[in-house]
PDB file of N, CA and C in Angstrom:
ATOM      1  N   MET A   1     -97.243   2.049  45.046  1.00  0.00           N
ATOM      2  CA  MET A   1     -97.380   3.346  45.669  1.00  0.00           C
ATOM      3  C   MET A   1     -96.331   4.323  45.165  1.00  0.00           C
ATOM      4  N   GLY A   2     -95.142   3.810  44.802  1.00  0.00           N
ATOM      5  CA  GLY A   2     -94.074   4.703  44.400  1.00  0.00           C
ATOM      6  C   GLY A   2     -93.366   4.248  43.144  1.00  0.00           C
ATOM      7  N   VAL A   3     -92.545   5.151  42.636  1.00  0.00           N
ATOM      8  CA  VAL A   3     -91.704   4.881  41.478  1.00  0.00           C
ATOM      9  C   VAL A   3     -90.267   4.986  41.948  1.00  0.00           C
ATOM     10  N   VAL A   4     -89.447   3.980  41.636  1.00  0.00           N
ATOM     11  CA  VAL A   4     -88.056   3.973  42.066  1.00  0.00           C
ATOM     12  C   VAL A   4     -87.167   4.151  40.846  1.00  0.00           C
ATOM     13  N   LYS A   5     -86.241   5.112  40.947  1.00  0.00           N
ATOM     14  CA  LYS A   5     -85.307   5.381  39.850  1.00  0.00           C
ATOM     15  C   LYS A   5     -83.889   5.383  40.380  1.00  0.00           C
ATOM     16  N   LEU A   6     -82.970   5.030  39.510  1.00  0.00           N
ATOM     17  CA  LEU A   6     -81.546   5.054  39.824  1.00  0.00           C
ATOM     18  C   LEU A   6     -81.040   6.483  39.705  1.00  0.00           C
ATOM     19  N   ALA A   7     -80.209   6.916  40.659  1.00  0.00           N
ATOM     20  CA  ALA A   7     -79.651   8.269  40.634  1.00  0.00           C
ATOM     21  C   ALA A   7     -78.207   8.217  41.123  1.00  0.00           C
ATOM     22  N   ASP A   8     -77.489   9.290  40.864  1.00  0.00           N
ATOM     23  CA  ASP A   8     -76.110   9.420  41.330  1.00  0.00           C
ATOM     24  C   ASP A   8     -76.051  10.387  42.492  1.00  0.00           C
ATOM     25  N   ASP A   9     -75.449   9.944  43.595  1.00  0.00           N
ATOM     26  CA  ASP A   9     -75.168  10.813  44.735  1.00  0.00           C
ATOM     27  C   ASP A   9     -73.810  11.432  44.426  1.00  0.00           C
ATOM     28  N   LEU A  10     -73.803  12.678  43.980  1.00  0.00           N
ATOM     29  CA  LEU A  10     -72.575  13.326  43.535  1.00  0.00           C
ATOM     30  C   LEU A  10     -71.621  13.626  44.683  1.00  0.00           C
ATOM     31  N   LEU A  11     -72.155  13.886  45.867  1.00  0.00           N
ATOM     32  CA  LEU A  11     -71.313  14.202  47.017  1.00  0.00           C
ATOM     33  C   LEU A  11     -70.535  12.981  47.487  1.00  0.00           C
ATOM     34  N   ILE A  12     -71.223  11.878  47.676  1.00  0.00           N
ATOM     35  CA  ILE A  12     -70.597  10.653  48.178  1.00  0.00           C
ATOM     36  C   ILE A  12     -70.010   9.827  47.033  1.00  0.00           C
ATOM     37  N   GLN A  13     -70.419  10.102  45.811  1.00  0.00           N
ATOM     38  CA  GLN A  13     -69.987   9.395  44.600  1.00  0.00           C
ATOM     39  C   GLN A  13     -70.399   7.927  44.644  1.00  0.00           C
ATOM     40  N   ARG A  14     -71.710   7.722  44.698  1.00  0.00           N
ATOM     41  CA  ARG A  14     -72.285   6.385  44.694  1.00  0.00           C
ATOM     42  C   ARG A  14     -73.642   6.443  43.994  1.00  0.00           C
ATOM     43  N   GLN A  15     -74.098   5.284  43.577  1.00  0.00           N
ATOM     44  CA  GLN A  15     -75.435   5.206  43.010  1.00  0.00           C
ATOM     45  C   GLN A  15     -76.433   4.956  44.136  1.00  0.00           C
ATOM     46  N   VAL A  16     -77.596   5.575  44.022  1.00  0.00           N
ATOM     47  CA  VAL A  16     -78.662   5.419  45.005  1.00  0.00           C
ATOM     48  C   VAL A  16     -79.974   5.184  44.277  1.00  0.00           C
ATOM     49  N   ALA A  17     -80.949   4.683  45.009  1.00  0.00           N
ATOM     50  CA  ALA A  17     -82.305   4.546  44.486  1.00  0.00           C
ATOM     51  C   ALA A  17     -83.128   5.680  45.092  1.00  0.00           C
ATOM     52  N   VAL A  18     -83.914   6.348  44.252  1.00  0.00           N
ATOM     53  CA  VAL A  18     -84.780   7.430  44.723  1.00  0.00           C
ATOM     54  C   VAL A  18     -86.219   7.027  44.450  1.00  0.00           C
ATOM     55  N   LYS A  19     -86.991   6.916  45.530  1.00  0.00           N
ATOM     56  CA  LYS A  19     -88.399   6.547  45.408  1.00  0.00           C
ATOM     57  C   LYS A  19     -89.251   7.796  45.564  1.00  0.00           C
ATOM     58  N   THR A  20     -90.142   8.013  44.602  1.00  0.00           N
ATOM     59  CA  THR A  20     -91.085   9.130  44.663  1.00  0.00           C
ATOM     60  C   THR A  20     -92.497   8.563  44.596  1.00  0.00           C
ATOM     61  N   LEU A  21     -93.457   9.367  45.003  1.00  0.00           N
ATOM     62  CA  LEU A  21     -94.845   8.934  44.941  1.00  0.00           C
ATOM     63  C   LEU A  21     -95.283   8.783  43.493  1.00  0.00           C
ATOM     64  N   ARG A  22     -96.076   7.768  43.227  1.00  0.00           N
ATOM     65  CA  ARG A  22     -96.596   7.554  41.876  1.00  0.00           C
ATOM     66  C   ARG A  22     -97.829   8.429  41.691  1.00  0.00           C
ATOM     67  N   GLY A  23     -97.854   9.144  40.606  1.00  0.00           N
ATOM     68  CA  GLY A  23     -99.036   9.951  40.298  1.00  0.00           C
ATOM     69  C   GLY A  23     -99.137  11.207  41.137  1.00  0.00           C
ATOM     70  N   ARG A  24    -100.315  11.707  41.224  1.00  0.00           N
ATOM     71  CA  ARG A  24    -100.582  12.969  41.926  1.00  0.00           C
ATOM     72  C   ARG A  24    -100.522  12.783  43.443  1.00  0.00           C
ATOM     73  N   GLU A  25     -99.772  13.642  44.100  1.00  0.00           N
ATOM     74  CA  GLU A  25     -99.647  13.569  45.551  1.00  0.00           C
ATOM     75  C   GLU A  25    -100.840  14.234  46.218  1.00  0.00           C
ATOM     76  N   ASN A  26    -101.303  13.644  47.317  1.00  0.00           N
ATOM     77  CA  ASN A  26    -102.321  14.263  48.153  1.00  0.00           C
ATOM     78  C   ASN A  26    -101.859  14.109  49.597  1.00  0.00           C
ATOM     79  N   ALA A  27    -102.552  14.723  50.526  1.00  0.00           N
ATOM     80  CA  ALA A  27    -102.117  14.722  51.925  1.00  0.00           C
ATOM     81  C   ALA A  27    -102.026  13.299  52.484  1.00  0.00           C
ATOM     82  N   LYS A  28    -103.004  12.450  52.158  1.00  0.00           N
ATOM     83  CA  LYS A  28    -103.000  11.082  52.668  1.00  0.00           C
ATOM     84  C   LYS A  28    -101.799  10.305  52.123  1.00  0.00           C
ATOM     85  N   ALA A  29    -101.532  10.443  50.836  1.00  0.00           N
ATOM     86  CA  ALA A  29    -100.405   9.750  50.215  1.00  0.00           C
ATOM     87  C   ALA A  29     -99.079  10.248  50.793  1.00  0.00           C
ATOM     88  N   LYS A  30     -98.955  11.556  50.973  1.00  0.00           N
ATOM     89  CA  LYS A  30     -97.724  12.113  51.550  1.00  0.00           C
ATOM     90  C   LYS A  30     -97.504  11.615  52.972  1.00  0.00           C
ATOM     91  N   ASP A  31     -98.577  11.559  53.766  1.00  0.00           N
ATOM     92  CA  ASP A  31     -98.462  11.071  55.143  1.00  0.00           C
ATOM     93  C   ASP A  31     -97.998   9.608  55.169  1.00  0.00           C
ATOM     94  N   GLY A  32     -98.580   8.800  54.314  1.00  0.00           N
ATOM     95  CA  GLY A  32     -98.188   7.393  54.244  1.00  0.00           C
ATOM     96  C   GLY A  32     -96.752   7.225  53.789  1.00  0.00           C
ATOM     97  N   PHE A  33     -96.346   8.039  52.832  1.00  0.00           N
ATOM     98  CA  PHE A  33     -94.982   8.002  52.305  1.00  0.00           C
ATOM     99  C   PHE A  33     -93.990   8.409  53.391  1.00  0.00           C
ATOM    100  N   LEU A  34     -94.304   9.452  54.132  1.00  0.00           N
ATOM    101  CA  LEU A  34     -93.452   9.912  55.227  1.00  0.00           C
ATOM    102  C   LEU A  34     -93.379   8.848  56.320  1.00  0.00           C
ATOM    103  N   ARG A  35     -94.520   8.231  56.627  1.00  0.00           N
ATOM    104  CA  ARG A  35     -94.551   7.166  57.631  1.00  0.00           C
ATOM    105  C   ARG A  35     -93.665   5.998  57.204  1.00  0.00           C
ATOM    106  N   GLU A  36     -93.748   5.625  55.942  1.00  0.00           N
ATOM    107  CA  GLU A  36     -92.916   4.545  55.410  1.00  0.00           C
ATOM    108  C   GLU A  36     -91.434   4.879  55.570  1.00  0.00           C
ATOM    109  N   SER A  37     -91.037   6.110  55.223  1.00  0.00           N
ATOM    110  CA  SER A  37     -89.621   6.481  55.313  1.00  0.00           C
ATOM    111  C   SER A  37     -89.150   6.498  56.764  1.00  0.00           C
ATOM    112  N   ARG A  38     -89.998   6.921  57.689  1.00  0.00           N
ATOM    113  CA  ARG A  38     -89.620   6.942  59.110  1.00  0.00           C
ATOM    114  C   ARG A  38     -89.449   5.526  59.665  1.00  0.00           C
ATOM    115  N   ILE A  39     -90.391   4.658  59.344  1.00  0.00           N
ATOM    116  CA  ILE A  39     -90.315   3.278  59.840  1.00  0.00           C
ATOM    117  C   ILE A  39     -89.102   2.573  59.249  1.00  0.00           C
ATOM    118  N   GLN A  40     -88.966   2.627  57.936  1.00  0.00           N
ATOM    119  CA  GLN A  40     -87.863   1.931  57.288  1.00  0.00           C
ATOM    120  C   GLN A  40     -86.526   2.540  57.680  1.00  0.00           C
ATOM    121  N   GLY A  41     -86.488   3.853  57.889  1.00  0.00           N
ATOM    122  CA  GLY A  41     -85.252   4.523  58.268  1.00  0.00           C
ATOM    123  C   GLY A  41     -84.749   4.127  59.642  1.00  0.00           C
ATOM    124  N   ARG A  42     -85.629   3.654  60.495  1.00  0.00           N
ATOM    125  CA  ARG A  42     -85.236   3.222  61.850  1.00  0.00           C
ATOM    126  C   ARG A  42     -84.732   1.788  61.889  1.00  0.00           C
ATOM    127  N   LEU A  43     -85.015   1.037  60.848  1.00  0.00           N
ATOM    128  CA  LEU A  43     -84.638  -0.374  60.818  1.00  0.00           C
ATOM    129  C   LEU A  43     -83.203  -0.545  60.329  1.00  0.00           C
ATOM    130  N   GLN A  44     -82.486  -1.424  60.972  1.00  0.00           N
ATOM    131  CA  GLN A  44     -81.134  -1.753  60.538  1.00  0.00           C
ATOM    132  C   GLN A  44     -81.001  -3.268  60.536  1.00  0.00           C
ATOM    133  N   HIS A  45     -80.955  -3.825  59.339  1.00  0.00           N
ATOM    134  CA  HIS A  45     -80.880  -5.273  59.176  1.00  0.00           C
ATOM    135  C   HIS A  45     -80.266  -5.541  57.804  1.00  0.00           C
ATOM    136  N   PRO A  46     -79.420  -6.564  57.689  1.00  0.00           N
ATOM    137  CA  PRO A  46     -78.781  -6.844  56.388  1.00  0.00           C
ATOM    138  C   PRO A  46     -79.764  -7.124  55.257  1.00  0.00           C
ATOM    139  N   ASN A  47     -80.997  -7.542  55.592  1.00  0.00           N
ATOM    140  CA  ASN A  47     -81.980  -7.864  54.558  1.00  0.00           C
ATOM    141  C   ASN A  47     -82.977  -6.740  54.308  1.00  0.00           C
ATOM    142  N   ILE A  48     -82.720  -5.557  54.863  1.00  0.00           N
ATOM    143  CA  ILE A  48     -83.597  -4.408  54.661  1.00  0.00           C
ATOM    144  C   ILE A  48     -82.774  -3.268  54.067  1.00  0.00           C
ATOM    145  N   VAL A  49     -83.278  -2.681  53.000  1.00  0.00           N
ATOM    146  CA  VAL A  49     -82.583  -1.588  52.314  1.00  0.00           C
ATOM    147  C   VAL A  49     -82.400  -0.410  53.271  1.00  0.00           C
ATOM    148  N   THR A  50     -81.202   0.181  53.248  1.00  0.00           N
ATOM    149  CA  THR A  50     -80.889   1.321  54.103  1.00  0.00           C
ATOM    150  C   THR A  50     -81.443   2.612  53.511  1.00  0.00           C
ATOM    151  N   ILE A  51     -82.100   3.411  54.347  1.00  0.00           N
ATOM    152  CA  ILE A  51     -82.589   4.732  53.945  1.00  0.00           C
ATOM    153  C   ILE A  51     -81.504   5.745  54.258  1.00  0.00           C
ATOM    154  N   TYR A  52     -81.140   6.553  53.260  1.00  0.00           N
ATOM    155  CA  TYR A  52     -80.127   7.585  53.464  1.00  0.00           C
ATOM    156  C   TYR A  52     -80.743   8.940  53.783  1.00  0.00           C
ATOM    157  N   ASP A  53     -81.868   9.246  53.160  1.00  0.00           N
ATOM    158  CA  ASP A  53     -82.474  10.569  53.341  1.00  0.00           C
ATOM    159  C   ASP A  53     -83.917  10.532  52.855  1.00  0.00           C
ATOM    160  N   ALA A  54     -84.679  11.511  53.277  1.00  0.00           N
ATOM    161  CA  ALA A  54     -86.054  11.674  52.807  1.00  0.00           C
ATOM    162  C   ALA A  54     -86.355  13.159  52.807  1.00  0.00           C
ATOM    163  N   GLY A  55     -87.200  13.587  51.905  1.00  0.00           N
ATOM    164  CA  GLY A  55     -87.550  14.999  51.847  1.00  0.00           C
ATOM    165  C   GLY A  55     -88.329  15.315  50.592  1.00  0.00           C
ATOM    166  N   VAL A  56     -88.174  16.552  50.135  1.00  0.00           N
ATOM    167  CA  VAL A  56     -88.905  17.028  48.969  1.00  0.00           C
ATOM    168  C   VAL A  56     -87.893  17.457  47.909  1.00  0.00           C
ATOM    169  N   LEU A  57     -88.085  16.985  46.683  1.00  0.00           N
ATOM    170  CA  LEU A  57     -87.208  17.342  45.565  1.00  0.00           C
ATOM    171  C   LEU A  57     -87.511  18.761  45.078  1.00  0.00           C
ATOM    172  N   ASP A  58     -86.627  19.313  44.247  1.00  0.00           N
ATOM    173  CA  ASP A  58     -86.855  20.637  43.659  1.00  0.00           C
ATOM    174  C   ASP A  58     -88.174  20.687  42.890  1.00  0.00           C
ATOM    175  N   SER A  59     -88.592  19.533  42.363  1.00  0.00           N
ATOM    176  CA  SER A  59     -89.844  19.448  41.599  1.00  0.00           C
ATOM    177  C   SER A  59     -91.082  19.498  42.502  1.00  0.00           C
ATOM    178  N   GLY A  60     -90.862  19.393  43.831  1.00  0.00           N
ATOM    179  CA  GLY A  60     -91.972  19.390  44.771  1.00  0.00           C
ATOM    180  C   GLY A  60     -92.439  17.996  45.154  1.00  0.00           C
ATOM    181  N   GLU A  61     -91.855  16.966  44.532  1.00  0.00           N
ATOM    182  CA  GLU A  61     -92.232  15.583  44.837  1.00  0.00           C
ATOM    183  C   GLU A  61     -91.588  15.122  46.136  1.00  0.00           C
ATOM    184  N   SER A  62     -92.337  14.370  46.931  1.00  0.00           N
ATOM    185  CA  SER A  62     -91.765  13.723  48.109  1.00  0.00           C
ATOM    186  C   SER A  62     -90.846  12.605  47.630  1.00  0.00           C
ATOM    187  N   ALA A  63     -89.718  12.410  48.321  1.00  0.00           N
ATOM    188  CA  ALA A  63     -88.752  11.405  47.880  1.00  0.00           C
ATOM    189  C   ALA A  63     -88.069  10.731  49.057  1.00  0.00           C
ATOM    190  N   ILE A  64     -87.714   9.465  48.858  1.00  0.00           N
ATOM    191  CA  ILE A  64     -86.893   8.712  49.799  1.00  0.00           C
ATOM    192  C   ILE A  64     -85.646   8.295  49.030  1.00  0.00           C
ATOM    193  N   VAL A  65     -84.480   8.607  49.573  1.00  0.00           N
ATOM    194  CA  VAL A  65     -83.208   8.211  48.953  1.00  0.00           C
ATOM    195  C   VAL A  65     -82.691   7.017  49.739  1.00  0.00           C
ATOM    196  N   MET A  66     -82.424   5.934  49.026  1.00  0.00           N
ATOM    197  CA  MET A  66     -82.037   4.699  49.697  1.00  0.00           C
ATOM    198  C   MET A  66     -80.922   3.973  48.974  1.00  0.00           C
ATOM    199  N   GLN A  67     -80.408   2.984  49.641  1.00  0.00           N
ATOM    200  CA  GLN A  67     -79.370   2.128  49.115  1.00  0.00           C
ATOM    201  C   GLN A  67     -79.824   1.525  47.780  1.00  0.00           C
ATOM    202  N   TYR A  68     -78.927   1.541  46.795  1.00  0.00           N
ATOM    203  CA  TYR A  68     -79.229   0.907  45.518  1.00  0.00           C
ATOM    204  C   TYR A  68     -78.662  -0.505  45.538  1.00  0.00           C
ATOM    205  N   ILE A  69     -79.501  -1.466  45.216  1.00  0.00           N
ATOM    206  CA  ILE A  69     -79.070  -2.859  45.151  1.00  0.00           C
ATOM    207  C   ILE A  69     -79.275  -3.349  43.729  1.00  0.00           C
ATOM    208  N   ARG A  70     -78.182  -3.763  43.116  1.00  0.00           N
ATOM    209  CA  ARG A  70     -78.213  -4.248  41.745  1.00  0.00           C
ATOM    210  C   ARG A  70     -78.933  -5.592  41.670  1.00  0.00           C
ATOM    211  N   GLY A  71     -79.725  -5.781  40.646  1.00  0.00           N
ATOM    212  CA  GLY A  71     -80.365  -7.070  40.441  1.00  0.00           C
ATOM    213  C   GLY A  71     -81.842  -6.946  40.126  1.00  0.00           C
ATOM    214  N   ARG A  72     -82.479  -8.080  40.036  1.00  0.00           N
ATOM    215  CA  ARG A  72     -83.904  -8.148  39.731  1.00  0.00           C
ATOM    216  C   ARG A  72     -84.702  -8.118  41.018  1.00  0.00           C
ATOM    217  N   SER A  73     -85.918  -7.637  40.915  1.00  0.00           N
ATOM    218  CA  SER A  73     -86.790  -7.618  42.089  1.00  0.00           C
ATOM    219  C   SER A  73     -87.330  -9.025  42.347  1.00  0.00           C
ATOM    220  N   LEU A  74     -87.722  -9.250  43.582  1.00  0.00           N
ATOM    221  CA  LEU A  74     -88.310 -10.534  43.942  1.00  0.00           C
ATOM    222  C   LEU A  74     -89.559 -10.805  43.109  1.00  0.00           C
ATOM    223  N   SER A  75     -90.369  -9.781  42.882  1.00  0.00           N
ATOM    224  CA  SER A  75     -91.596  -9.986  42.095  1.00  0.00           C
ATOM    225  C   SER A  75     -91.267 -10.389  40.652  1.00  0.00           C
ATOM    226  N   GLU A  76     -90.200  -9.840  40.079  1.00  0.00           N
ATOM    227  CA  GLU A  76     -89.793 -10.232  38.716  1.00  0.00           C
ATOM    228  C   GLU A  76     -89.366 -11.698  38.675  1.00  0.00           C
ATOM    229  N   ILE A  77     -88.620 -12.118  39.679  1.00  0.00           N
ATOM    230  CA  ILE A  77     -88.155 -13.510  39.724  1.00  0.00           C
ATOM    231  C   ILE A  77     -89.334 -14.460  39.918  1.00  0.00           C
ATOM    232  N   LEU A  78     -90.251 -14.113  40.822  1.00  0.00           N
ATOM    233  CA  LEU A  78     -91.417 -14.968  41.048  1.00  0.00           C
ATOM    234  C   LEU A  78     -92.280 -15.083  39.798  1.00  0.00           C
ATOM    235  N   GLU A  79     -92.443 -13.969  39.091  1.00  0.00           N
ATOM    236  CA  GLU A  79     -93.222 -13.989  37.839  1.00  0.00           C
ATOM    237  C   GLU A  79     -92.552 -14.896  36.811  1.00  0.00           C
ATOM    238  N   SER A  80     -91.235 -14.829  36.734  1.00  0.00           N
ATOM    239  CA  SER A  80     -90.486 -15.676  35.811  1.00  0.00           C
ATOM    240  C   SER A  80     -90.649 -17.151  36.177  1.00  0.00           C
ATOM    241  N   LEU A  81     -90.601 -17.448  37.458  1.00  0.00           N
ATOM    242  CA  LEU A  81     -90.775 -18.833  37.894  1.00  0.00           C
ATOM    243  C   LEU A  81     -92.193 -19.333  37.615  1.00  0.00           C
ATOM    244  N   ARG A  82     -93.183 -18.468  37.796  1.00  0.00           N
ATOM    245  CA  ARG A  82     -94.565 -18.838  37.475  1.00  0.00           C
ATOM    246  C   ARG A  82     -94.711 -19.112  35.978  1.00  0.00           C
ATOM    247  N   GLY A  83     -93.927 -18.390  35.183  1.00  0.00           N
ATOM    248  CA  GLY A  83     -93.958 -18.578  33.735  1.00  0.00           C
ATOM    249  C   GLY A  83     -93.123 -19.751  33.276  1.00  0.00           C
ATOM    250  N   MET A  84     -92.594 -20.509  34.231  1.00  0.00           N
ATOM    251  CA  MET A  84     -91.815 -21.720  33.939  1.00  0.00           C
ATOM    252  C   MET A  84     -90.531 -21.430  33.156  1.00  0.00           C
ATOM    253  N   ASP A  85     -89.903 -20.274  33.414  1.00  0.00           N
ATOM    254  CA  ASP A  85     -88.625 -19.957  32.778  1.00  0.00           C
ATOM    255  C   ASP A  85     -87.580 -20.980  33.240  1.00  0.00           C
ATOM    256  N   LEU A  86     -87.043 -21.754  32.296  1.00  0.00           N
ATOM    257  CA  LEU A  86     -86.131 -22.850  32.653  1.00  0.00           C
ATOM    258  C   LEU A  86     -84.825 -22.351  33.262  1.00  0.00           C
ATOM    259  N   ALA A  87     -84.289 -21.244  32.765  1.00  0.00           N
ATOM    260  CA  ALA A  87     -83.035 -20.715  33.320  1.00  0.00           C
ATOM    261  C   ALA A  87     -83.222 -20.318  34.782  1.00  0.00           C
ATOM    262  N   ASP A  88     -84.339 -19.663  35.095  1.00  0.00           N
ATOM    263  CA  ASP A  88     -84.598 -19.281  36.480  1.00  0.00           C
ATOM    264  C   ASP A  88     -84.943 -20.501  37.337  1.00  0.00           C
ATOM    265  N   ARG A  89     -85.590 -21.487  36.773  1.00  0.00           N
ATOM    266  CA  ARG A  89     -85.882 -22.719  37.521  1.00  0.00           C
ATOM    267  C   ARG A  89     -84.583 -23.394  37.954  1.00  0.00           C
ATOM    268  N   ARG A  90     -83.574 -23.397  37.058  1.00  0.00           N
ATOM    269  CA  ARG A  90     -82.270 -23.980  37.407  1.00  0.00           C
ATOM    270  C   ARG A  90     -81.529 -23.097  38.409  1.00  0.00           C
ATOM    271  N   ARG A  91     -81.632 -21.790  38.229  1.00  0.00           N
ATOM    272  CA  ARG A  91     -80.928 -20.851  39.111  1.00  0.00           C
ATOM    273  C   ARG A  91     -81.561 -20.797  40.501  1.00  0.00           C
ATOM    274  N   PHE A  92     -82.867 -20.985  40.581  1.00  0.00           N
ATOM    275  CA  PHE A  92     -83.583 -20.889  41.849  1.00  0.00           C
ATOM    276  C   PHE A  92     -84.344 -22.187  42.144  1.00  0.00           C
ATOM    277  N   PRO A  93     -83.599 -23.270  42.449  1.00  0.00           N
ATOM    278  CA  PRO A  93     -84.304 -24.495  42.836  1.00  0.00           C
ATOM    279  C   PRO A  93     -85.020 -24.271  44.171  1.00  0.00           C
ATOM    280  N   LEU A  94     -85.796 -25.239  44.585  1.00  0.00           N
ATOM    281  CA  LEU A  94     -86.602 -25.099  45.801  1.00  0.00           C
ATOM    282  C   LEU A  94     -85.759 -24.656  47.002  1.00  0.00           C
ATOM    283  N   GLU A  95     -84.604 -25.242  47.182  1.00  0.00           N
ATOM    284  CA  GLU A  95     -83.754 -24.889  48.337  1.00  0.00           C
ATOM    285  C   GLU A  95     -83.367 -23.407  48.305  1.00  0.00           C
ATOM    286  N   ALA A  96     -83.019 -22.888  47.133  1.00  0.00           N
ATOM    287  CA  ALA A  96     -82.657 -21.465  47.010  1.00  0.00           C
ATOM    288  C   ALA A  96     -83.867 -20.578  47.280  1.00  0.00           C
ATOM    289  N   ARG A  97     -85.038 -20.991  46.808  1.00  0.00           N
ATOM    290  CA  ARG A  97     -86.252 -20.208  47.065  1.00  0.00           C
ATOM    291  C   ARG A  97     -86.598 -20.195  48.548  1.00  0.00           C
ATOM    292  N   LEU A  98     -86.374 -21.307  49.230  1.00  0.00           N
ATOM    293  CA  LEU A  98     -86.609 -21.364  50.668  1.00  0.00           C
ATOM    294  C   LEU A  98     -85.617 -20.472  51.425  1.00  0.00           C
ATOM    295  N   ASP A  99     -84.373 -20.395  50.945  1.00  0.00           N
ATOM    296  CA  ASP A  99     -83.379 -19.508  51.545  1.00  0.00           C
ATOM    297  C   ASP A  99     -83.832 -18.044  51.430  1.00  0.00           C
ATOM    298  N   VAL A 100     -84.367 -17.686  50.272  1.00  0.00           N
ATOM    299  CA  VAL A 100     -84.868 -16.319  50.081  1.00  0.00           C
ATOM    300  C   VAL A 100     -86.055 -16.068  51.009  1.00  0.00           C
ATOM    301  N   PHE A 101     -86.944 -17.026  51.107  1.00  0.00           N
ATOM    302  CA  PHE A 101     -88.099 -16.896  51.997  1.00  0.00           C
ATOM    303  C   PHE A 101     -87.630 -16.694  53.440  1.00  0.00           C
ATOM    304  N   ALA A 102     -86.634 -17.453  53.885  1.00  0.00           N
ATOM    305  CA  ALA A 102     -86.111 -17.325  55.249  1.00  0.00           C
ATOM    306  C   ALA A 102     -85.493 -15.956  55.463  1.00  0.00           C
ATOM    307  N   ALA A 103     -84.805 -15.419  54.461  1.00  0.00           N
ATOM    308  CA  ALA A 103     -84.205 -14.086  54.578  1.00  0.00           C
ATOM    309  C   ALA A 103     -85.283 -13.011  54.717  1.00  0.00           C
ATOM    310  N   VAL A 104     -86.365 -13.169  53.973  1.00  0.00           N
ATOM    311  CA  VAL A 104     -87.468 -12.209  54.069  1.00  0.00           C
ATOM    312  C   VAL A 104     -88.115 -12.284  55.456  1.00  0.00           C
ATOM    313  N   VAL A 105     -88.346 -13.478  55.938  1.00  0.00           N
ATOM    314  CA  VAL A 105     -88.947 -13.655  57.259  1.00  0.00           C
ATOM    315  C   VAL A 105     -88.032 -13.080  58.343  1.00  0.00           C
ATOM    316  N   ASN A 106     -86.722 -13.306  58.233  1.00  0.00           N
ATOM    317  CA  ASN A 106     -85.781 -12.761  59.212  1.00  0.00           C
ATOM    318  C   ASN A 106     -85.779 -11.235  59.224  1.00  0.00           C
ATOM    319  N   ALA A 107     -85.985 -10.652  58.066  1.00  0.00           N
ATOM    320  CA  ALA A 107     -86.014  -9.176  57.994  1.00  0.00           C
ATOM    321  C   ALA A 107     -87.217  -8.663  58.725  1.00  0.00           C
TER     322      ALA A 107
END
């Protein structure tokens, strides 16, 4: 649904992730995007990314500004494991994968 890019928060002097809608915006997409930012912005949990702000960029795109977390996405890691990547298999044995699953469920 969205595109996430790394950006610099010049005021606070930190890196943030900025999510914008993918492709052409329409009323339904904007409503869903706003709903997502409101729901996620109300949640406070160590396993859920913090929302800092939401609004409209100078370009007119709807945007959500959120905590930037360094690393690979869960989908990238799962794809690597499906591809039988040996380094990731060693790094993420079954017990580690179950720990990640438990963290997601707790969130």
